[in-house]
Full PDB file with SEQRES, HELIX, SHEET, SSBOND, CRYST1, ORIGX, SCALE, CONECT and MASTER records, all heavy atoms in Angstrom:
SEQRES   1 A   42  PRO PRO PRO GLU VAL GLU SER ALA LEU ALA ALA ILE ASN          
SEQRES   2 A   42  THR ALA HIS ASN GLN VAL SER SER ASP ILE SER LEU ALA          
SEQRES   3 A   42  GLN ALA GLY ALA ASP GLN ARG VAL VAL GLN SER ARG ARG          
SEQRES   4 A   42  ALA VAL GLU                                                  
HELIX    1 AA1 PRO A    3  VAL A   41  1                                  39    
CRYST1    1.000    1.000    1.000  90.00  90.00  90.00 P 1           1          
ORIGX1      1.000000  0.000000  0.000000        0.00000                         
ORIGX2      0.000000  1.000000  0.000000        0.00000                         
ORIGX3      0.000000  0.000000  1.000000        0.00000                         
SCALE1      1.000000  0.000000  0.000000        0.00000                         
SCALE2      0.000000  1.000000  0.000000        0.00000                         
SCALE3      0.000000  0.000000  1.000000        0.00000                         
ATOM      1  N   PRO A   1     111.373  84.879 110.102  1.00  0.00           N  
ATOM      2  CA  PRO A   1     112.449  85.735 109.596  1.00  0.00           C  
ATOM      3  C   PRO A   1     113.719  85.540 110.404  1.00  0.00           C  
ATOM      4  O   PRO A   1     113.702  84.957 111.497  1.00  0.00           O  
ATOM      5  CB  PRO A   1     111.873  87.143 109.786  1.00  0.00           C  
ATOM      6  CG  PRO A   1     110.953  87.012 110.950  1.00  0.00           C  
ATOM      7  CD  PRO A   1     110.368  85.621 110.851  1.00  0.00           C  
ATOM      8  N   PRO A   2     114.852  86.036 109.922  1.00  0.00           N  
ATOM      9  CA  PRO A   2     116.094  85.948 110.700  1.00  0.00           C  
ATOM     10  C   PRO A   2     115.961  86.728 112.005  1.00  0.00           C  
ATOM     11  O   PRO A   2     115.256  87.740 112.071  1.00  0.00           O  
ATOM     12  CB  PRO A   2     117.137  86.594 109.771  1.00  0.00           C  
ATOM     13  CG  PRO A   2     116.535  86.533 108.411  1.00  0.00           C  
ATOM     14  CD  PRO A   2     115.061  86.625 108.602  1.00  0.00           C  
ATOM     15  N   PRO A   3     116.618  86.288 113.070  1.00  0.00           N  
ATOM     16  CA  PRO A   3     116.495  86.983 114.364  1.00  0.00           C  
ATOM     17  C   PRO A   3     116.917  88.441 114.304  1.00  0.00           C  
ATOM     18  O   PRO A   3     116.349  89.287 114.991  1.00  0.00           O  
ATOM     19  CB  PRO A   3     117.416  86.168 115.290  1.00  0.00           C  
ATOM     20  CG  PRO A   3     117.521  84.821 114.636  1.00  0.00           C  
ATOM     21  CD  PRO A   3     117.449  85.073 113.169  1.00  0.00           C  
ATOM     22  N   GLU A   4     117.916  88.773 113.460  1.00  0.00           N  
ATOM     23  CA  GLU A   4     118.410  90.141 113.435  1.00  0.00           C  
ATOM     24  C   GLU A   4     117.444  91.120 112.780  1.00  0.00           C  
ATOM     25  O   GLU A   4     117.570  92.339 112.954  1.00  0.00           O  
ATOM     26  CB  GLU A   4     119.762  90.204 112.711  1.00  0.00           C  
ATOM     27  CG  GLU A   4     119.740  89.711 111.262  1.00  0.00           C  
ATOM     28  CD  GLU A   4     120.003  88.226 111.159  1.00  0.00           C  
ATOM     29  OE1 GLU A   4     119.919  87.545 112.208  1.00  0.00           O  
ATOM     30  OE2 GLU A   4     120.283  87.758 110.055  1.00  0.00           O  
ATOM     31  N   VAL A   5     116.479  90.625 112.008  1.00  0.00           N  
ATOM     32  CA  VAL A   5     115.520  91.529 111.359  1.00  0.00           C  
ATOM     33  C   VAL A   5     114.102  91.334 111.885  1.00  0.00           C  
ATOM     34  O   VAL A   5     113.181  92.005 111.413  1.00  0.00           O  
ATOM     35  CB  VAL A   5     115.525  91.323 109.827  1.00  0.00           C  
ATOM     36  CG1 VAL A   5     116.891  91.571 109.257  1.00  0.00           C  
ATOM     37  CG2 VAL A   5     115.037  89.927 109.462  1.00  0.00           C  
ATOM     38  N   GLU A   6     113.942  90.433 112.856  1.00  0.00           N  
ATOM     39  CA  GLU A   6     112.593  90.152 113.337  1.00  0.00           C  
ATOM     40  C   GLU A   6     111.964  91.365 114.011  1.00  0.00           C  
ATOM     41  O   GLU A   6     110.791  91.690 113.789  1.00  0.00           O  
ATOM     42  CB  GLU A   6     112.633  88.967 114.300  1.00  0.00           C  
ATOM     43  CG  GLU A   6     111.252  88.499 114.732  1.00  0.00           C  
ATOM     44  CD  GLU A   6     111.305  87.210 115.523  1.00  0.00           C  
ATOM     45  OE1 GLU A   6     112.428  86.722 115.782  1.00  0.00           O  
ATOM     46  OE2 GLU A   6     110.235  86.697 115.875  1.00  0.00           O  
ATOM     47  N   SER A   7     112.754  92.078 114.854  1.00  0.00           N  
ATOM     48  CA  SER A   7     112.198  93.251 115.537  1.00  0.00           C  
ATOM     49  C   SER A   7     111.883  94.362 114.555  1.00  0.00           C  
ATOM     50  O   SER A   7     110.840  95.030 114.658  1.00  0.00           O  
ATOM     51  CB  SER A   7     113.192  93.740 116.593  1.00  0.00           C  
ATOM     52  OG  SER A   7     114.444  94.071 115.988  1.00  0.00           O  
ATOM     53  N   ALA A   8     112.755  94.564 113.564  1.00  0.00           N  
ATOM     54  CA  ALA A   8     112.498  95.599 112.565  1.00  0.00           C  
ATOM     55  C   ALA A   8     111.272  95.253 111.735  1.00  0.00           C  
ATOM     56  O   ALA A   8     110.455  96.123 111.404  1.00  0.00           O  
ATOM     57  CB  ALA A   8     113.715  95.771 111.665  1.00  0.00           C  
ATOM     58  N   LEU A   9     111.121  93.975 111.405  1.00  0.00           N  
ATOM     59  CA  LEU A   9     109.959  93.554 110.626  1.00  0.00           C  
ATOM     60  C   LEU A   9     108.670  93.731 111.424  1.00  0.00           C  
ATOM     61  O   LEU A   9     107.644  94.142 110.870  1.00  0.00           O  
ATOM     62  CB  LEU A   9     110.131  92.087 110.220  1.00  0.00           C  
ATOM     63  CG  LEU A   9     109.056  91.498 109.316  1.00  0.00           C  
ATOM     64  CD1 LEU A   9     108.999  92.252 107.998  1.00  0.00           C  
ATOM     65  CD2 LEU A   9     109.310  90.020 109.068  1.00  0.00           C  
ATOM     66  N   ALA A  10     108.737  93.446 112.730  1.00  0.00           N  
ATOM     67  CA  ALA A  10     107.548  93.645 113.560  1.00  0.00           C  
ATOM     68  C   ALA A  10     107.166  95.116 113.615  1.00  0.00           C  
ATOM     69  O   ALA A  10     105.977  95.468 113.574  1.00  0.00           O  
ATOM     70  CB  ALA A  10     107.814  93.103 114.967  1.00  0.00           C  
ATOM     71  N   ALA A  11     108.171  96.011 113.696  1.00  0.00           N  
ATOM     72  CA  ALA A  11     107.878  97.445 113.714  1.00  0.00           C  
ATOM     73  C   ALA A  11     107.266  97.899 112.403  1.00  0.00           C  
ATOM     74  O   ALA A  11     106.317  98.696 112.370  1.00  0.00           O  
ATOM     75  CB  ALA A  11     109.160  98.224 114.005  1.00  0.00           C  
ATOM     76  N   ILE A  12     107.781  97.389 111.295  1.00  0.00           N  
ATOM     77  CA  ILE A  12     107.231  97.757 109.985  1.00  0.00           C  
ATOM     78  C   ILE A  12     105.806  97.242 109.851  1.00  0.00           C  
ATOM     79  O   ILE A  12     104.917  97.933 109.336  1.00  0.00           O  
ATOM     80  CB  ILE A  12     108.136  97.208 108.865  1.00  0.00           C  
ATOM     81  CG1 ILE A  12     109.487  97.900 108.892  1.00  0.00           C  
ATOM     82  CG2 ILE A  12     107.478  97.388 107.511  1.00  0.00           C  
ATOM     83  CD1 ILE A  12     110.477  97.358 107.894  1.00  0.00           C  
ATOM     84  N   ASN A  13     105.567  96.024 110.328  1.00  0.00           N  
ATOM     85  CA  ASN A  13     104.206  95.477 110.263  1.00  0.00           C  
ATOM     86  C   ASN A  13     103.234  96.311 111.088  1.00  0.00           C  
ATOM     87  O   ASN A  13     102.098  96.562 110.679  1.00  0.00           O  
ATOM     88  CB  ASN A  13     104.203  94.029 110.759  1.00  0.00           C  
ATOM     89  CG  ASN A  13     104.864  93.084 109.790  1.00  0.00           C  
ATOM     90  OD1 ASN A  13     104.929  93.362 108.599  1.00  0.00           O  
ATOM     91  ND2 ASN A  13     105.383  91.980 110.281  1.00  0.00           N  
ATOM     92  N   THR A  14     103.705  96.757 112.281  1.00  0.00           N  
ATOM     93  CA  THR A  14     102.841  97.586 113.120  1.00  0.00           C  
ATOM     94  C   THR A  14     102.518  98.911 112.428  1.00  0.00           C  
ATOM     95  O   THR A  14     101.363  99.365 112.419  1.00  0.00           O  
ATOM     96  CB  THR A  14     103.521  97.852 114.463  1.00  0.00           C  
ATOM     97  OG1 THR A  14     103.804  96.597 115.107  1.00  0.00           O  
ATOM     98  CG2 THR A  14     102.636  98.686 115.364  1.00  0.00           C  
ATOM     99  N   ALA A  15     103.546  99.532 111.840  1.00  0.00           N  
ATOM    100  CA  ALA A  15     103.308 100.785 111.118  1.00  0.00           C  
ATOM    101  C   ALA A  15     102.377 100.579 109.934  1.00  0.00           C  
ATOM    102  O   ALA A  15     101.491 101.402 109.662  1.00  0.00           O  
ATOM    103  CB  ALA A  15     104.640 101.358 110.653  1.00  0.00           C  
ATOM    104  N   HIS A  16     102.570  99.461 109.235  1.00  0.00           N  
ATOM    105  CA  HIS A  16     101.700  99.183 108.086  1.00  0.00           C  
ATOM    106  C   HIS A  16     100.252  98.978 108.524  1.00  0.00           C  
ATOM    107  O   HIS A  16      99.322  99.470 107.877  1.00  0.00           O  
ATOM    108  CB  HIS A  16     102.196  97.940 107.355  1.00  0.00           C  
ATOM    109  CG  HIS A  16     101.235  97.420 106.336  1.00  0.00           C  
ATOM    110  ND1 HIS A  16     100.896  98.109 105.193  1.00  0.00           N  
ATOM    111  CD2 HIS A  16     100.514  96.265 106.302  1.00  0.00           C  
ATOM    112  CE1 HIS A  16     100.017  97.424 104.499  1.00  0.00           C  
ATOM    113  NE2 HIS A  16      99.771  96.296 105.155  1.00  0.00           N  
ATOM    114  N   ASN A  17     100.071  98.280 109.639  1.00  0.00           N  
ATOM    115  CA  ASN A  17      98.711  98.076 110.140  1.00  0.00           C  
ATOM    116  C   ASN A  17      98.058  99.396 110.526  1.00  0.00           C  
ATOM    117  O   ASN A  17      96.861  99.612 110.292  1.00  0.00           O  
ATOM    118  CB  ASN A  17      98.734  97.112 111.326  1.00  0.00           C  
ATOM    119  CG  ASN A  17      99.150  95.709 110.939  1.00  0.00           C  
ATOM    120  OD1 ASN A  17      98.966  95.306 109.785  1.00  0.00           O  
ATOM    121  ND2 ASN A  17      99.711  94.963 111.866  1.00  0.00           N  
ATOM    122  N   GLN A  18      98.861 100.303 111.133  1.00  0.00           N  
ATOM    123  CA  GLN A  18      98.321 101.610 111.504  1.00  0.00           C  
ATOM    124  C   GLN A  18      97.945 102.412 110.270  1.00  0.00           C  
ATOM    125  O   GLN A  18      96.885 103.047 110.212  1.00  0.00           O  
ATOM    126  CB  GLN A  18      99.356 102.364 112.347  1.00  0.00           C  
ATOM    127  CG  GLN A  18      98.863 103.718 112.849  1.00  0.00           C  
ATOM    128  CD  GLN A  18      97.674 103.583 113.781  1.00  0.00           C  
ATOM    129  OE1 GLN A  18      97.626 102.667 114.599  1.00  0.00           O  
ATOM    130  NE2 GLN A  18      96.721 104.498 113.676  1.00  0.00           N  
ATOM    131  N   VAL A  19      98.825 102.380 109.257  1.00  0.00           N  
ATOM    132  CA  VAL A  19      98.530 103.096 108.016  1.00  0.00           C  
ATOM    133  C   VAL A  19      97.297 102.520 107.341  1.00  0.00           C  
ATOM    134  O   VAL A  19      96.426 103.258 106.847  1.00  0.00           O  
ATOM    135  CB  VAL A  19      99.756 103.050 107.069  1.00  0.00           C  
ATOM    136  CG1 VAL A  19      99.393 103.598 105.701  1.00  0.00           C  
ATOM    137  CG2 VAL A  19     100.907 103.846 107.663  1.00  0.00           C  
ATOM    138  N   SER A  20      97.207 101.185 107.313  1.00  0.00           N  
ATOM    139  CA  SER A  20      96.034 100.552 106.699  1.00  0.00           C  
ATOM    140  C   SER A  20      94.759 100.927 107.451  1.00  0.00           C  
ATOM    141  O   SER A  20      93.721 101.170 106.829  1.00  0.00           O  
ATOM    142  CB  SER A  20      96.208  99.028 106.700  1.00  0.00           C  
ATOM    143  OG  SER A  20      97.328  98.655 105.945  1.00  0.00           O  
ATOM    144  N   SER A  21      94.859 101.017 108.802  1.00  0.00           N  
ATOM    145  CA  SER A  21      93.690 101.416 109.587  1.00  0.00           C  
ATOM    146  C   SER A  21      93.282 102.850 109.273  1.00  0.00           C  
ATOM    147  O   SER A  21      92.092 103.154 109.099  1.00  0.00           O  
ATOM    148  CB  SER A  21      93.988 101.258 111.076  1.00  0.00           C  
ATOM    149  OG  SER A  21      92.900 101.709 111.872  1.00  0.00           O  
ATOM    150  N   ASP A  22      94.273 103.746 109.186  1.00  0.00           N  
ATOM    151  CA  ASP A  22      93.959 105.144 108.861  1.00  0.00           C  
ATOM    152  C   ASP A  22      93.355 105.266 107.464  1.00  0.00           C  
ATOM    153  O   ASP A  22      92.405 106.042 107.246  1.00  0.00           O  
ATOM    154  CB  ASP A  22      95.224 105.996 108.961  1.00  0.00           C  
ATOM    155  CG  ASP A  22      95.749 106.070 110.394  1.00  0.00           C  
ATOM    156  OD1 ASP A  22      94.958 105.789 111.317  1.00  0.00           O  
ATOM    157  OD2 ASP A  22      96.942 106.384 110.576  1.00  0.00           O  
ATOM    158  N   ILE A  23      93.898 104.512 106.514  1.00  0.00           N  
ATOM    159  CA  ILE A  23      93.353 104.554 105.157  1.00  0.00           C  
ATOM    160  C   ILE A  23      91.924 104.041 105.135  1.00  0.00           C  
ATOM    161  O   ILE A  23      91.048 104.608 104.468  1.00  0.00           O  
ATOM    162  CB  ILE A  23      94.255 103.735 104.209  1.00  0.00           C  
ATOM    163  CG1 ILE A  23      95.614 104.421 104.031  1.00  0.00           C  
ATOM    164  CG2 ILE A  23      93.589 103.563 102.846  1.00  0.00           C  
ATOM    165  CD1 ILE A  23      96.598 103.626 103.214  1.00  0.00           C  
ATOM    166  N   SER A  24      91.663 102.979 105.888  1.00  0.00           N  
ATOM    167  CA  SER A  24      90.306 102.428 105.930  1.00  0.00           C  
ATOM    168  C   SER A  24      89.326 103.426 106.545  1.00  0.00           C  
ATOM    169  O   SER A  24      88.206 103.605 106.045  1.00  0.00           O  
ATOM    170  CB  SER A  24      90.303 101.124 106.730  1.00  0.00           C  
ATOM    171  OG  SER A  24      91.140 100.166 106.129  1.00  0.00           O  
ATOM    172  N   LEU A  25      89.751 104.095 107.627  1.00  0.00           N  
ATOM    173  CA  LEU A  25      88.881 105.093 108.247  1.00  0.00           C  
ATOM    174  C   LEU A  25      88.621 106.260 107.299  1.00  0.00           C  
ATOM    175  O   LEU A  25      87.487 106.761 107.207  1.00  0.00           O  
ATOM    176  CB  LEU A  25      89.517 105.601 109.543  1.00  0.00           C  
ATOM    177  CG  LEU A  25      89.581 104.591 110.708  1.00  0.00           C  
ATOM    178  CD1 LEU A  25      90.331 105.192 111.886  1.00  0.00           C  
ATOM    179  CD2 LEU A  25      88.179 104.170 111.133  1.00  0.00           C  
ATOM    180  N   ALA A  26      89.664 106.699 106.595  1.00  0.00           N  
ATOM    181  CA  ALA A  26      89.484 107.793 105.643  1.00  0.00           C  
ATOM    182  C   ALA A  26      88.552 107.392 104.505  1.00  0.00           C  
ATOM    183  O   ALA A  26      87.685 108.173 104.080  1.00  0.00           O  
ATOM    184  CB  ALA A  26      90.839 108.227 105.092  1.00  0.00           C  
ATOM    185  N   GLN A  27      88.717 106.169 104.004  1.00  0.00           N  
ATOM    186  CA  GLN A  27      87.831 105.694 102.945  1.00  0.00           C  
ATOM    187  C   GLN A  27      86.390 105.588 103.433  1.00  0.00           C  
ATOM    188  O   GLN A  27      85.456 105.940 102.711  1.00  0.00           O  
ATOM    189  CB  GLN A  27      88.324 104.341 102.425  1.00  0.00           C  
ATOM    190  CG  GLN A  27      89.598 104.424 101.607  1.00  0.00           C  
ATOM    191  CD  GLN A  27      90.067 103.073 101.136  1.00  0.00           C  
ATOM    192  OE1 GLN A  27      89.592 102.038 101.606  1.00  0.00           O  
ATOM    193  NE2 GLN A  27      90.991 103.047 100.191  1.00  0.00           N  
ATOM    194  N   ALA A  28      86.218 105.126 104.686  1.00  0.00           N  
ATOM    195  CA  ALA A  28      84.864 105.023 105.225  1.00  0.00           C  
ATOM    196  C   ALA A  28      84.222 106.404 105.369  1.00  0.00           C  
ATOM    197  O   ALA A  28      83.045 106.593 105.052  1.00  0.00           O  
ATOM    198  CB  ALA A  28      84.900 104.306 106.574  1.00  0.00           C  
ATOM    199  N   GLY A  29      85.021 107.396 105.862  1.00  0.00           N  
ATOM    200  CA  GLY A  29      84.485 108.747 105.971  1.00  0.00           C  
ATOM    201  C   GLY A  29      84.132 109.338 104.629  1.00  0.00           C  
ATOM    202  O   GLY A  29      83.091 109.997 104.469  1.00  0.00           O  
ATOM    203  N   ALA A  30      85.015 109.115 103.635  1.00  0.00           N  
ATOM    204  CA  ALA A  30      84.729 109.638 102.302  1.00  0.00           C  
ATOM    205  C   ALA A  30      83.493 108.975 101.700  1.00  0.00           C  
ATOM    206  O   ALA A  30      82.650 109.649 101.084  1.00  0.00           O  
ATOM    207  CB  ALA A  30      85.943 109.420 101.389  1.00  0.00           C  
ATOM    208  N   ASP A  31      83.367 107.657 101.891  1.00  0.00           N  
ATOM    209  CA  ASP A  31      82.171 106.964 101.373  1.00  0.00           C  
ATOM    210  C   ASP A  31      80.899 107.483 102.039  1.00  0.00           C  
ATOM    211  O   ASP A  31      79.864 107.645 101.382  1.00  0.00           O  
ATOM    212  CB  ASP A  31      82.312 105.456 101.613  1.00  0.00           C  
ATOM    213  CG  ASP A  31      83.432 104.846 100.793  1.00  0.00           C  
ATOM    214  OD1 ASP A  31      83.836 105.482  99.791  1.00  0.00           O  
ATOM    215  OD2 ASP A  31      83.903 103.747 101.146  1.00  0.00           O  
ATOM    216  N   GLN A  32      80.984 107.770 103.347  1.00  0.00           N  
ATOM    217  CA  GLN A  32      79.805 108.282 104.053  1.00  0.00           C  
ATOM    218  C   GLN A  32      79.406 109.656 103.529  1.00  0.00           C  
ATOM    219  O   GLN A  32      78.221 109.938 103.334  1.00  0.00           O  
ATOM    220  CB  GLN A  32      80.094 108.339 105.547  1.00  0.00           C  
ATOM    221  CG  GLN A  32      78.883 108.746 106.393  1.00  0.00           C  
ATOM    222  CD  GLN A  32      79.186 108.720 107.865  1.00  0.00           C  
ATOM    223  OE1 GLN A  32      80.316 108.474 108.268  1.00  0.00           O  
ATOM    224  NE2 GLN A  32      78.181 108.971 108.672  1.00  0.00           N  
ATOM    225  N   ARG A  33      80.404 110.529 103.292  1.00  0.00           N  
ATOM    226  CA  ARG A  33      80.097 111.854 102.751  1.00  0.00           C  
ATOM    227  C   ARG A  33      79.525 111.769 101.348  1.00  0.00           C  
ATOM    228  O   ARG A  33      78.627 112.535 100.972  1.00  0.00           O  
ATOM    229  CB  ARG A  33      81.361 112.713 102.762  1.00  0.00           C  
ATOM    230  CG  ARG A  33      81.768 113.177 104.164  1.00  0.00           C  
ATOM    231  CD  ARG A  33      82.837 114.237 104.102  1.00  0.00           C  
ATOM    232  NE  ARG A  33      84.093 113.702 103.585  1.00  0.00           N  
ATOM    233  CZ  ARG A  33      85.038 113.161 104.349  1.00  0.00           C  
ATOM    234  NH1 ARG A  33      84.863 113.074 105.670  1.00  0.00           N  
ATOM    235  NH2 ARG A  33      86.146 112.716 103.812  1.00  0.00           N  
ATOM    236  N   VAL A  34      80.020 110.836 100.560  1.00  0.00           N  
ATOM    237  CA  VAL A  34      79.489 110.670  99.206  1.00  0.00           C  
ATOM    238  C   VAL A  34      78.034 110.232  99.262  1.00  0.00           C  
ATOM    239  O   VAL A  34      77.173 110.736  98.509  1.00  0.00           O  
ATOM    240  CB  VAL A  34      80.347 109.657  98.418  1.00  0.00           C  
ATOM    241  CG1 VAL A  34      79.658 109.267  97.121  1.00  0.00           C  
ATOM    242  CG2 VAL A  34      81.717 110.243  98.127  1.00  0.00           C  
ATOM    243  N   VAL A  35      77.726 109.294 100.174  1.00  0.00           N  
ATOM    244  CA  VAL A  35      76.339 108.828 100.304  1.00  0.00           C  
ATOM    245  C   VAL A  35      75.433 109.957 100.766  1.00  0.00           C  
ATOM    246  O   VAL A  35      74.312 110.143 100.254  1.00  0.00           O  
ATOM    247  CB  VAL A  35      76.281 107.634 101.280  1.00  0.00           C  
ATOM    248  CG1 VAL A  35      74.840 107.275 101.583  1.00  0.00           C  
ATOM    249  CG2 VAL A  35      77.013 106.438 100.695  1.00  0.00           C  
ATOM    250  N   GLN A  36      75.914 110.748 101.734  1.00  0.00           N  
ATOM    251  CA  GLN A  36      75.109 111.874 102.201  1.00  0.00           C  
ATOM    252  C   GLN A  36      74.877 112.895 101.095  1.00  0.00           C  
ATOM    253  O   GLN A  36      73.780 113.458 100.969  1.00  0.00           O  
ATOM    254  CB  GLN A  36      75.799 112.534 103.400  1.00  0.00           C  
ATOM    255  CG  GLN A  36      75.809 111.664 104.660  1.00  0.00           C  
ATOM    256  CD  GLN A  36      76.591 112.302 105.785  1.00  0.00           C  
ATOM    257  OE1 GLN A  36      77.276 113.315 105.592  1.00  0.00           O  
ATOM    258  NE2 GLN A  36      76.511 111.703 106.972  1.00  0.00           N  
ATOM    259  N   SER A  37      75.885 113.163 100.284  1.00  0.00           N  
ATOM    260  CA  SER A  37      75.728 114.107  99.170  1.00  0.00           C  
ATOM    261  C   SER A  37      74.718 113.596  98.157  1.00  0.00           C  
ATOM    262  O   SER A  37      73.891 114.362  97.640  1.00  0.00           O  
ATOM    263  CB  SER A  37      77.081 114.350  98.505  1.00  0.00           C  
ATOM    264  OG  SER A  37      78.010 114.886  99.421  1.00  0.00           O  
ATOM    265  N   ARG A  38      74.770 112.295  97.887  1.00  0.00           N  
ATOM    266  CA  ARG A  38      73.807 111.724  96.948  1.00  0.00           C  
ATOM    267  C   ARG A  38      72.378 111.846  97.475  1.00  0.00           C  
ATOM    268  O   ARG A  38      71.455 112.188  96.717  1.00  0.00           O  
ATOM    269  CB  ARG A  38      74.153 110.260  96.684  1.00  0.00           C  
ATOM    270  CG  ARG A  38      75.418 110.068  95.860  1.00  0.00           C  
ATOM    271  CD  ARG A  38      75.736 108.594  95.710  1.00  0.00           C  
ATOM    272  NE  ARG A  38      76.942 108.390  94.922  1.00  0.00           N  
ATOM    273  CZ  ARG A  38      77.503 107.199  94.727  1.00  0.00           C  
ATOM    274  NH1 ARG A  38      76.941 106.100  95.263  1.00  0.00           N  
ATOM    275  NH2 ARG A  38      78.592 107.099  93.994  1.00  0.00           N  
ATOM    276  N   ARG A  39      72.218 111.596  98.758  1.00  0.00           N  
ATOM    277  CA  ARG A  39      70.877 111.717  99.339  1.00  0.00           C  
ATOM    278  C   ARG A  39      70.396 113.161  99.308  1.00  0.00           C  
ATOM    279  O   ARG A  39      69.209 113.429  99.050  1.00  0.00           O  
ATOM    280  CB  ARG A  39      70.893 111.192 100.769  1.00  0.00           C  
ATOM    281  CG  ARG A  39      71.076 109.677 100.860  1.00  0.00           C  
ATOM    282  CD  ARG A  39      71.053 109.212 102.303  1.00  0.00           C  
ATOM    283  NE  ARG A  39      71.190 107.745 102.382  1.00  0.00           N  
ATOM    284  CZ  ARG A  39      71.262 107.069 103.531  1.00  0.00           C  
ATOM    285  NH1 ARG A  39      71.203 107.728 104.692  1.00  0.00           N  
ATOM    286  NH2 ARG A  39      71.384 105.766 103.516  1.00  0.00           N  
ATOM    287  N   ALA A  40      71.294 114.141  99.572  1.00  0.00           N  
ATOM    288  CA  ALA A  40      70.896 115.553  99.517  1.00  0.00           C  
ATOM    289  C   ALA A  40      70.467 115.944  98.117  1.00  0.00           C  
ATOM    290  O   ALA A  40      69.475 116.665  97.926  1.00  0.00           O  
ATOM    291  CB  ALA A  40      72.061 116.423  99.995  1.00  0.00           C  
ATOM    292  N   VAL A  41      71.205 115.465  97.122  1.00  0.00           N  
ATOM    293  CA  VAL A  41      70.839 115.760  95.731  1.00  0.00           C  
ATOM    294  C   VAL A  41      69.479 115.162  95.392  1.00  0.00           C  
ATOM    295  O   VAL A  41      68.634 115.802  94.729  1.00  0.00           O  
ATOM    296  CB  VAL A  41      71.929 115.246  94.772  1.00  0.00           C  
ATOM    297  CG1 VAL A  41      71.461 115.336  93.329  1.00  0.00           C  
ATOM    298  CG2 VAL A  41      73.219 116.032  94.966  1.00  0.00           C  
ATOM    299  N   GLU A  42      69.241 113.940  95.864  1.00  0.00           N  
ATOM    300  CA  GLU A  42      67.946 113.307  95.596  1.00  0.00           C  
ATOM    301  C   GLU A  42      66.808 114.074  96.256  1.00  0.00           C  
ATOM    302  O   GLU A  42      65.736 114.272  95.653  1.00  0.00           O  
ATOM    303  CB  GLU A  42      67.973 111.859  96.105  1.00  0.00           C  
ATOM    304  CG  GLU A  42      68.906 110.952  95.317  1.00  0.00           C  
ATOM    305  CD  GLU A  42      68.958 109.559  95.902  1.00  0.00           C  
ATOM    306  OE1 GLU A  42      68.296 109.339  96.949  1.00  0.00           O  
ATOM    307  OE2 GLU A  42      69.653 108.688  95.330  1.00  0.00           O  
TER     308      GLU A  42                                                      
MASTER        0    0    0    1    0    0    0    6  307    1    0    4          
END                                                                             
């Protein structure tokens, strides 16, 4: 990227990675609760 936007792009990438990590953790927790609910019903 151009030098003047490289630092801003790196910050956006870092924020995006953090958001993606949080979304993945939330999805994993939700999937685990769904599996536990299914087992309780069974």
